[in-house]
Amino acid sequence: MSDSGPWFFAWCDGPQRLDALLAALSALVYPGTRIGVLHDATLIHTTSMDEAVAMIRAEFSEGPSGGAIFDVMLSGSKRLFGCSSDCYTEEAGRDISAGPIDMATCDQRRFLCSYLELAWGRGPRSIEAEAAVAWHLLRDDLEDLLLRLCAPDASGRVRTGACTNAGDWIAPVRMCATYNADARDIARDLALSWLQRHDKEMVSRNAGLSLEALRARVEVAPAGARVPLKGGSDRAHALSRETVLKALATPPSALLEALEVAAAPDDAWRAAEPRAREILALTSQIAETGEGPPTWQVHTDTRAHVRFLRKHAPFHVRRLAGGGVILATHPYRSLWPLWVDALFSLGLMP
């Protein structure tokens, strides 16, 4: 089995954290499967959600955390997948960069579709098309897990969340996906990124601040201050204090529209799409009917596949019915190039 990941994170007020985790578990755990809970230093398994909830509450009350290991039915690929999730007490969460609520899949390579059986048909092999297929198979599952963790119901407990291929909640623009319960707070991603990079503060400590409080924190930095950022952008390798302040003063609707325009796939991805869709259709045909061309095992985690995804995987700006928004790309990539293009189009970057 490969390492755990990707990692998903969620922030909400301390008194509501445990309820937020339990609501997420109700939306995540596949009915009838075993739930593992650490109780009195022993891992106990149960198929009863009520019993699991009681054990998690007891464990959390003793601190520093409570959580579970469980199976999730991924909505996009219809795969049953092992995950683990924890919630940290307010005191413990101050010193944990992965808190206050986190979740990870138990097999990173399998979740990222690193090994696939694909039908080629009569067309030639294409590294680019194979990489595109992997992202098509993964995107809905990644967004679905983030949404089920952060917004399993209409309570609005979780204000913001994120996903990354690593185990720490780092600057949101360096993550592969972010969630904001209110799309009007989308500039929060930039402000939190600034504080994490400039002030060296954990995102989990500041994620719940209002936009006004975040603006005040950014304003105290020296004029002209900049923080380095990497992520494949050819247009900018740093974020400035002035850019963050301008973004916070920009109407959220303008920011979202600019992000949506910037999310358009580039030429390399558009060139790979027709072949990728052909392979997907043939592979789906075989899965449904048992008939079709031969299939071949494909590894999509080779250096060439990863390089293509890091540079060309498209972005997705998903406006949610409840007023929230998800920004997402492949876990091999970060959201920084998306933000760079959007900020340049609005004249907010020097």
Protein backbone atom coordinates (compact mmCIF):
# COMPACT_ATOMS: atom_id res chain seq x y z
CA MET A 1 0.00 0.00 0.00
CA SER A 2 1.25 3.47 -0.81
CA ASP A 3 1.35 6.46 1.50
CA SER A 4 -1.79 8.22 2.67
CA GLY A 5 -3.14 11.18 0.77
CA PRO A 6 -4.31 13.51 -0.58
CA TRP A 7 -5.06 15.35 2.67
CA PHE A 8 -8.23 17.36 3.23
CA PHE A 9 -8.66 20.08 5.86
CA ALA A 10 -11.58 21.99 7.36
CA TRP A 11 -11.85 24.91 9.79
CA CYS A 12 -14.67 25.80 12.15
CA ASP A 13 -15.05 27.35 15.60
CA GLY A 14 -13.73 25.32 18.51
CA PRO A 15 -17.08 24.53 20.20
CA GLN A 16 -18.47 23.14 16.93
CA ARG A 17 -15.51 21.07 15.78
CA LEU A 18 -16.63 17.70 17.05
CA ASP A 19 -20.15 18.18 15.68
CA ALA A 20 -18.63 19.18 12.33
CA LEU A 21 -16.56 15.98 12.22
CA LEU A 22 -19.50 13.78 13.19
CA ALA A 23 -21.71 15.39 10.53
CA ALA A 24 -18.98 14.77 7.97
CA LEU A 25 -18.67 11.13 9.01
CA SER A 26 -22.41 10.65 8.50
CA ALA A 27 -21.99 11.93 4.94
CA LEU A 28 -18.79 9.97 4.29
CA VAL A 29 -19.08 6.50 5.83
CA TYR A 30 -20.52 3.90 3.48
CA PRO A 31 -23.46 2.24 5.26
CA GLY A 32 -22.80 -1.21 6.66
CA THR A 33 -19.00 -1.02 6.50
CA ARG A 34 -16.71 -1.15 9.52
CA ILE A 35 -15.71 2.01 11.37
CA GLY A 36 -12.48 1.91 13.37
CA VAL A 37 -12.24 4.12 16.45
CA LEU A 38 -9.31 4.42 18.85
CA HIS A 39 -10.78 3.94 22.33
CA ASP A 40 -8.63 3.56 25.46
CA ALA A 41 -5.56 3.08 23.22
CA THR A 42 -7.24 0.17 21.41
CA LEU A 43 -8.61 0.25 17.87
CA ILE A 44 -12.20 -0.95 18.05
CA HIS A 45 -14.31 -1.71 14.99
CA THR A 46 -18.06 -1.37 14.70
CA THR A 47 -20.67 -1.15 11.94
CA SER A 48 -22.93 1.00 14.12
CA MET A 49 -22.62 4.73 13.51
CA ASP A 50 -24.26 5.44 16.89
CA GLU A 51 -21.67 3.31 18.66
CA ALA A 52 -18.83 4.93 16.72
CA VAL A 53 -20.13 8.41 17.58
CA ALA A 54 -20.28 7.56 21.27
CA MET A 55 -16.67 6.30 21.24
CA ILE A 56 -15.43 9.32 19.28
CA ARG A 57 -17.13 11.70 21.73
CA ALA A 58 -15.54 9.88 24.67
CA GLU A 59 -12.10 9.96 23.07
CA PHE A 60 -12.40 13.64 22.14
CA SER A 61 -13.48 14.60 25.66
CA GLU A 62 -10.21 13.19 27.01
CA GLY A 63 -8.18 14.99 24.29
CA PRO A 64 -6.28 15.85 22.28
CA SER A 65 -8.36 14.47 19.42
CA GLY A 66 -11.05 12.11 18.23
CA GLY A 67 -11.42 10.40 14.89
CA ALA A 68 -12.10 7.28 12.87
CA ILE A 69 -10.99 5.01 10.04
CA PHE A 70 -13.75 4.19 7.57
CA ASP A 71 -14.76 3.38 4.00
CA VAL A 72 -16.21 5.93 1.57
CA MET A 73 -18.02 5.29 -1.69
CA LEU A 74 -16.48 7.79 -4.11
CA SER A 75 -19.30 9.38 -6.06
CA GLY A 76 -17.44 9.91 -9.32
CA SER A 77 -15.61 6.62 -9.89
CA LYS A 78 -17.90 4.49 -7.67
CA ARG A 79 -14.87 3.10 -5.82
CA LEU A 80 -15.07 2.00 -2.19
CA PHE A 81 -12.12 3.71 -0.57
CA GLY A 82 -10.49 3.71 2.87
CA CYS A 83 -10.08 7.05 4.66
CA SER A 84 -9.16 8.35 8.09
CA SER A 85 -10.21 11.57 9.79
CA ASP A 86 -9.41 13.39 13.03
CA CYS A 87 -10.66 16.41 14.92
CA TYR A 88 -8.42 18.23 17.41
CA THR A 89 -9.45 20.07 20.56
CA GLU A 90 -9.05 23.83 20.52
CA GLU A 91 -5.97 23.65 22.74
CA ALA A 92 -4.27 20.94 20.68
CA GLY A 93 -5.25 22.54 17.39
CA ARG A 94 -3.15 25.63 18.08
CA ASP A 95 0.03 23.65 17.47
CA ILE A 96 -1.12 21.29 14.69
CA SER A 97 -0.71 22.48 11.12
CA ALA A 98 -3.04 19.75 9.87
CA GLY A 99 -5.94 20.82 12.09
CA PRO A 100 -8.45 21.48 13.30
CA ILE A 101 -10.19 18.80 11.19
CA ASP A 102 -8.33 16.66 8.69
CA MET A 103 -8.95 13.64 6.51
CA ALA A 104 -6.78 11.53 4.24
CA THR A 105 -7.32 8.65 1.86
CA CYS A 106 -5.41 5.53 2.87
CA ASP A 107 -3.83 4.82 -0.52
CA GLN A 108 -2.51 7.83 -2.41
CA ARG A 109 -1.49 6.08 -5.61
CA ARG A 110 -4.79 4.27 -6.01
CA PHE A 111 -6.79 7.42 -5.30
CA LEU A 112 -4.77 9.37 -7.88
CA CYS A 113 -5.46 6.66 -10.49
CA SER A 114 -1.76 5.91 -10.82
CA TYR A 115 -2.48 2.45 -12.26
CA LEU A 116 -5.17 2.10 -14.91
CA GLU A 117 -6.41 -0.48 -17.39
CA LEU A 118 -7.16 1.50 -20.54
CA ALA A 119 -8.44 0.57 -23.97
CA TRP A 120 -6.41 2.10 -26.79
CA GLY A 121 -8.49 1.22 -29.82
CA ARG A 122 -6.60 1.98 -33.01
CA GLY A 123 -5.02 5.24 -31.94
CA PRO A 124 -1.41 5.73 -30.85
CA ARG A 125 -0.28 5.85 -27.25
CA SER A 126 -0.16 9.35 -25.78
CA ILE A 127 1.38 10.33 -22.44
CA GLU A 128 -0.66 13.53 -22.51
CA ALA A 129 -3.94 11.68 -23.14
CA GLU A 130 -3.19 9.17 -20.37
CA ALA A 131 -2.57 12.01 -17.93
CA ALA A 132 -5.82 13.68 -19.01
CA VAL A 133 -7.72 10.42 -18.45
CA ALA A 134 -6.34 10.17 -14.91
CA TRP A 135 -7.49 13.72 -14.11
CA HIS A 136 -10.95 13.08 -15.58
CA LEU A 137 -11.34 10.02 -13.36
CA LEU A 138 -10.07 11.84 -10.27
CA ARG A 139 -11.59 15.33 -10.33
CA ASP A 140 -15.13 14.54 -9.23
CA ASP A 141 -13.90 12.31 -6.39
CA LEU A 142 -11.50 14.94 -5.07
CA GLU A 143 -14.11 17.71 -5.07
CA ASP A 144 -16.75 15.40 -3.62
CA LEU A 145 -14.56 14.42 -0.64
CA LEU A 146 -13.69 18.05 0.07
CA LEU A 147 -17.36 19.01 -0.08
CA ARG A 148 -18.54 16.12 2.11
CA LEU A 149 -15.92 17.02 4.73
CA CYS A 150 -16.61 20.77 4.69
CA ALA A 151 -20.33 20.96 3.85
CA PRO A 152 -22.07 17.69 4.71
CA ASP A 153 -25.22 19.64 5.63
CA ALA A 154 -26.58 23.19 5.58
CA SER A 155 -25.23 24.11 9.03
CA GLY A 156 -22.41 26.29 7.67
CA ARG A 157 -20.16 25.22 10.56
CA VAL A 158 -17.09 24.96 8.35
CA ARG A 159 -16.06 28.33 6.99
CA THR A 160 -13.18 27.21 4.80
CA GLY A 161 -11.17 24.13 3.84
CA ALA A 162 -8.53 22.86 1.45
CA CYS A 163 -6.81 19.86 -0.10
CA THR A 164 -3.17 19.07 -0.87
CA ASN A 165 -0.98 16.11 -1.73
CA ALA A 166 1.05 16.74 1.45
CA GLY A 167 0.11 16.43 5.11
CA ASP A 168 0.09 20.11 6.17
CA TRP A 169 -2.38 22.92 5.58
CA ILE A 170 -0.08 25.34 3.80
CA ALA A 171 -0.81 28.59 1.92
CA PRO A 172 -4.14 28.13 0.10
CA VAL A 173 -2.68 29.26 -3.24
CA ARG A 174 -0.18 26.39 -2.93
CA MET A 175 -2.93 23.83 -2.36
CA CYS A 176 -4.62 21.84 -5.12
CA ALA A 177 -8.13 22.77 -3.94
CA THR A 178 -9.87 25.18 -1.57
CA TYR A 179 -13.41 25.50 -0.26
CA ASN A 180 -15.08 28.68 0.96
CA ALA A 181 -18.59 28.52 2.41
CA ASP A 182 -19.25 32.04 1.11
CA ALA A 183 -17.96 32.82 -2.37
CA ARG A 184 -17.80 36.48 -1.36
CA ASP A 185 -14.86 35.51 0.87
CA ILE A 186 -12.74 34.13 -1.98
CA ALA A 187 -9.97 36.71 -1.31
CA ARG A 188 -9.48 34.92 2.02
CA ASP A 189 -7.30 32.42 0.12
CA LEU A 190 -4.85 35.19 -0.79
CA ALA A 191 -4.81 36.79 2.66
CA LEU A 192 -4.24 33.45 4.42
CA SER A 193 -1.48 32.67 1.94
CA TRP A 194 0.19 35.97 2.75
CA LEU A 195 0.09 35.36 6.51
CA GLN A 196 1.40 31.83 6.14
CA ARG A 197 4.28 32.86 3.90
CA HIS A 198 5.15 36.27 5.37
CA ASP A 199 4.34 35.88 9.07
CA LYS A 200 5.12 32.15 9.14
CA GLU A 201 1.83 31.44 10.87
CA MET A 202 -0.17 28.25 10.50
CA VAL A 203 -3.21 28.64 8.27
CA SER A 204 -5.35 26.82 10.84
CA ARG A 205 -4.75 29.67 13.33
CA ASN A 206 -6.07 32.39 11.01
CA ALA A 207 -8.55 30.59 8.77
CA GLY A 208 -11.56 31.75 10.77
CA LEU A 209 -10.71 35.46 10.83
CA SER A 210 -13.06 37.88 9.11
CA LEU A 211 -11.91 39.59 5.92
CA GLU A 212 -11.60 42.83 7.87
CA ALA A 213 -9.32 41.20 10.43
CA LEU A 214 -7.25 39.59 7.70
CA ARG A 215 -6.90 42.93 5.91
CA ALA A 216 -5.65 44.53 9.13
CA ARG A 217 -3.08 41.77 9.54
CA VAL A 218 -1.79 42.25 5.98
CA GLU A 219 -1.67 46.05 6.28
CA VAL A 220 0.88 45.97 9.10
CA ALA A 221 3.50 44.44 6.80
CA PRO A 222 6.02 46.90 5.31
CA ALA A 223 5.03 48.57 2.04
CA GLY A 224 6.46 46.69 -0.92
CA ALA A 225 6.91 43.45 1.02
CA ARG A 226 6.76 40.29 -1.11
CA VAL A 227 6.80 36.55 -0.47
CA PRO A 228 8.16 33.96 -2.92
CA LEU A 229 5.77 31.45 -4.43
CA LYS A 230 6.40 28.59 -6.80
CA GLY A 231 3.93 26.51 -8.71
CA GLY A 232 4.61 26.58 -12.41
CA SER A 233 3.56 30.14 -13.22
CA ASP A 234 5.60 31.80 -15.95
CA ARG A 235 4.23 35.24 -15.07
CA ALA A 236 4.91 35.64 -11.35
CA HIS A 237 6.96 33.99 -8.66
CA ALA A 238 5.99 36.23 -5.74
CA LEU A 239 2.95 37.67 -4.00
CA SER A 240 3.08 41.26 -2.77
CA ARG A 241 1.37 42.96 0.14
CA GLU A 242 -0.16 45.49 -2.25
CA THR A 243 -1.63 42.77 -4.48
CA VAL A 244 -3.33 41.13 -1.50
CA LEU A 245 -4.77 44.44 -0.28
CA LYS A 246 -6.04 45.29 -3.77
CA ALA A 247 -7.67 41.86 -4.06
CA LEU A 248 -9.38 42.31 -0.68
CA ALA A 249 -10.76 45.64 -1.95
CA THR A 250 -11.98 44.14 -5.26
CA PRO A 251 -15.64 43.11 -5.58
CA PRO A 252 -15.81 39.34 -5.02
CA SER A 253 -17.91 38.92 -8.17
CA ALA A 254 -15.07 40.40 -10.24
CA LEU A 255 -12.53 38.07 -8.62
CA LEU A 256 -14.70 35.02 -9.28
CA GLU A 257 -15.33 35.98 -12.90
CA ALA A 258 -11.61 36.51 -13.46
CA LEU A 259 -10.84 33.12 -11.89
CA GLU A 260 -13.42 31.44 -14.13
CA VAL A 261 -11.89 32.97 -17.24
CA ALA A 262 -8.37 32.04 -16.09
CA ALA A 263 -9.48 28.43 -15.55
CA ALA A 264 -9.78 27.78 -19.30
CA PRO A 265 -7.58 24.81 -20.36
CA ASP A 266 -4.38 25.67 -22.20
CA ASP A 267 -3.50 24.55 -25.74
CA ALA A 268 -1.57 21.46 -24.61
CA TRP A 269 -4.52 20.18 -22.60
CA ARG A 270 -7.03 20.91 -25.34
CA ALA A 271 -4.84 18.98 -27.78
CA ALA A 272 -4.87 15.93 -25.47
CA GLU A 273 -8.62 16.00 -24.78
CA PRO A 274 -10.02 14.29 -27.93
CA ARG A 275 -7.78 11.24 -27.53
CA ALA A 276 -8.44 11.12 -23.78
CA ARG A 277 -12.21 11.13 -24.32
CA GLU A 278 -11.88 8.39 -26.93
CA ILE A 279 -9.92 6.21 -24.48
CA LEU A 280 -12.44 6.91 -21.71
CA ALA A 281 -15.36 5.96 -23.95
CA LEU A 282 -13.75 2.70 -25.08
CA THR A 283 -12.75 1.77 -21.53
CA SER A 284 -16.27 2.51 -20.24
CA GLN A 285 -17.75 0.41 -23.04
CA ILE A 286 -15.67 -2.59 -21.98
CA ALA A 287 -16.62 -2.10 -18.32
CA GLU A 288 -20.32 -2.01 -19.19
CA THR A 289 -20.57 -4.68 -21.92
CA GLY A 290 -17.43 -6.78 -21.56
CA GLU A 291 -16.75 -6.24 -25.25
CA GLY A 292 -14.26 -4.02 -27.01
CA PRO A 293 -10.57 -3.66 -27.87
CA PRO A 294 -7.83 -5.07 -25.62
CA THR A 295 -6.84 -3.08 -22.52
CA TRP A 296 -3.34 -2.27 -21.34
CA GLN A 297 -2.00 -1.39 -17.92
CA VAL A 298 -0.89 2.23 -17.74
CA HIS A 299 1.15 3.89 -14.99
CA THR A 300 0.20 7.57 -14.79
CA ASP A 301 2.74 8.45 -12.09
CA THR A 302 5.82 8.32 -14.34
CA ARG A 303 8.02 11.40 -14.56
CA ALA A 304 6.52 12.32 -17.95
CA HIS A 305 2.91 12.04 -16.76
CA VAL A 306 3.59 14.00 -13.57
CA ARG A 307 5.46 16.72 -15.48
CA PHE A 308 2.53 17.16 -17.88
CA LEU A 309 -0.03 17.34 -15.07
CA ARG A 310 2.06 19.80 -13.06
CA LYS A 311 2.25 22.17 -15.99
CA HIS A 312 -1.03 21.67 -17.83
CA ALA A 313 -3.74 20.14 -15.60
CA PRO A 314 -6.75 22.46 -15.91
CA PHE A 315 -8.41 24.37 -13.10
CA HIS A 316 -12.05 24.18 -12.06
CA VAL A 317 -14.04 26.99 -10.45
CA ARG A 318 -17.21 25.44 -9.05
CA ARG A 319 -19.91 27.73 -7.67
CA LEU A 320 -22.04 25.85 -5.15
CA ALA A 321 -25.80 26.08 -4.80
CA GLY A 322 -25.49 27.19 -1.19
CA GLY A 323 -23.37 30.21 -2.11
CA GLY A 324 -19.94 28.66 -1.61
CA VAL A 325 -17.16 27.99 -4.10
CA ILE A 326 -14.51 25.35 -4.76
CA LEU A 327 -11.29 26.00 -6.67
CA ALA A 328 -9.55 22.81 -7.77
CA THR A 329 -6.80 21.31 -9.89
CA HIS A 330 -4.82 18.07 -9.92
CA PRO A 331 -2.96 17.29 -6.66
CA TYR A 332 0.33 17.43 -8.57
CA ARG A 333 -0.34 21.10 -9.29
CA SER A 334 -1.15 24.19 -7.19
CA LEU A 335 -3.76 26.94 -7.56
CA TRP A 336 -1.12 29.66 -7.79
CA PRO A 337 -1.02 29.85 -11.63
CA LEU A 338 -4.81 30.24 -11.65
CA TRP A 339 -4.62 33.14 -9.21
CA VAL A 340 -1.74 34.74 -11.11
CA ASP A 341 -3.67 34.83 -14.39
CA ALA A 342 -6.81 36.14 -12.68
CA LEU A 343 -4.94 38.85 -10.78
CA PHE A 344 -3.03 39.96 -13.90
CA SER A 345 -6.29 40.20 -15.88
CA LEU A 346 -7.66 42.55 -13.20
CA GLY A 347 -4.50 44.66 -13.11
CA LEU A 348 -3.80 43.70 -9.49
CA MET A 349 -0.26 42.40 -10.02
CA PRO A 350 2.71 44.61 -10.92
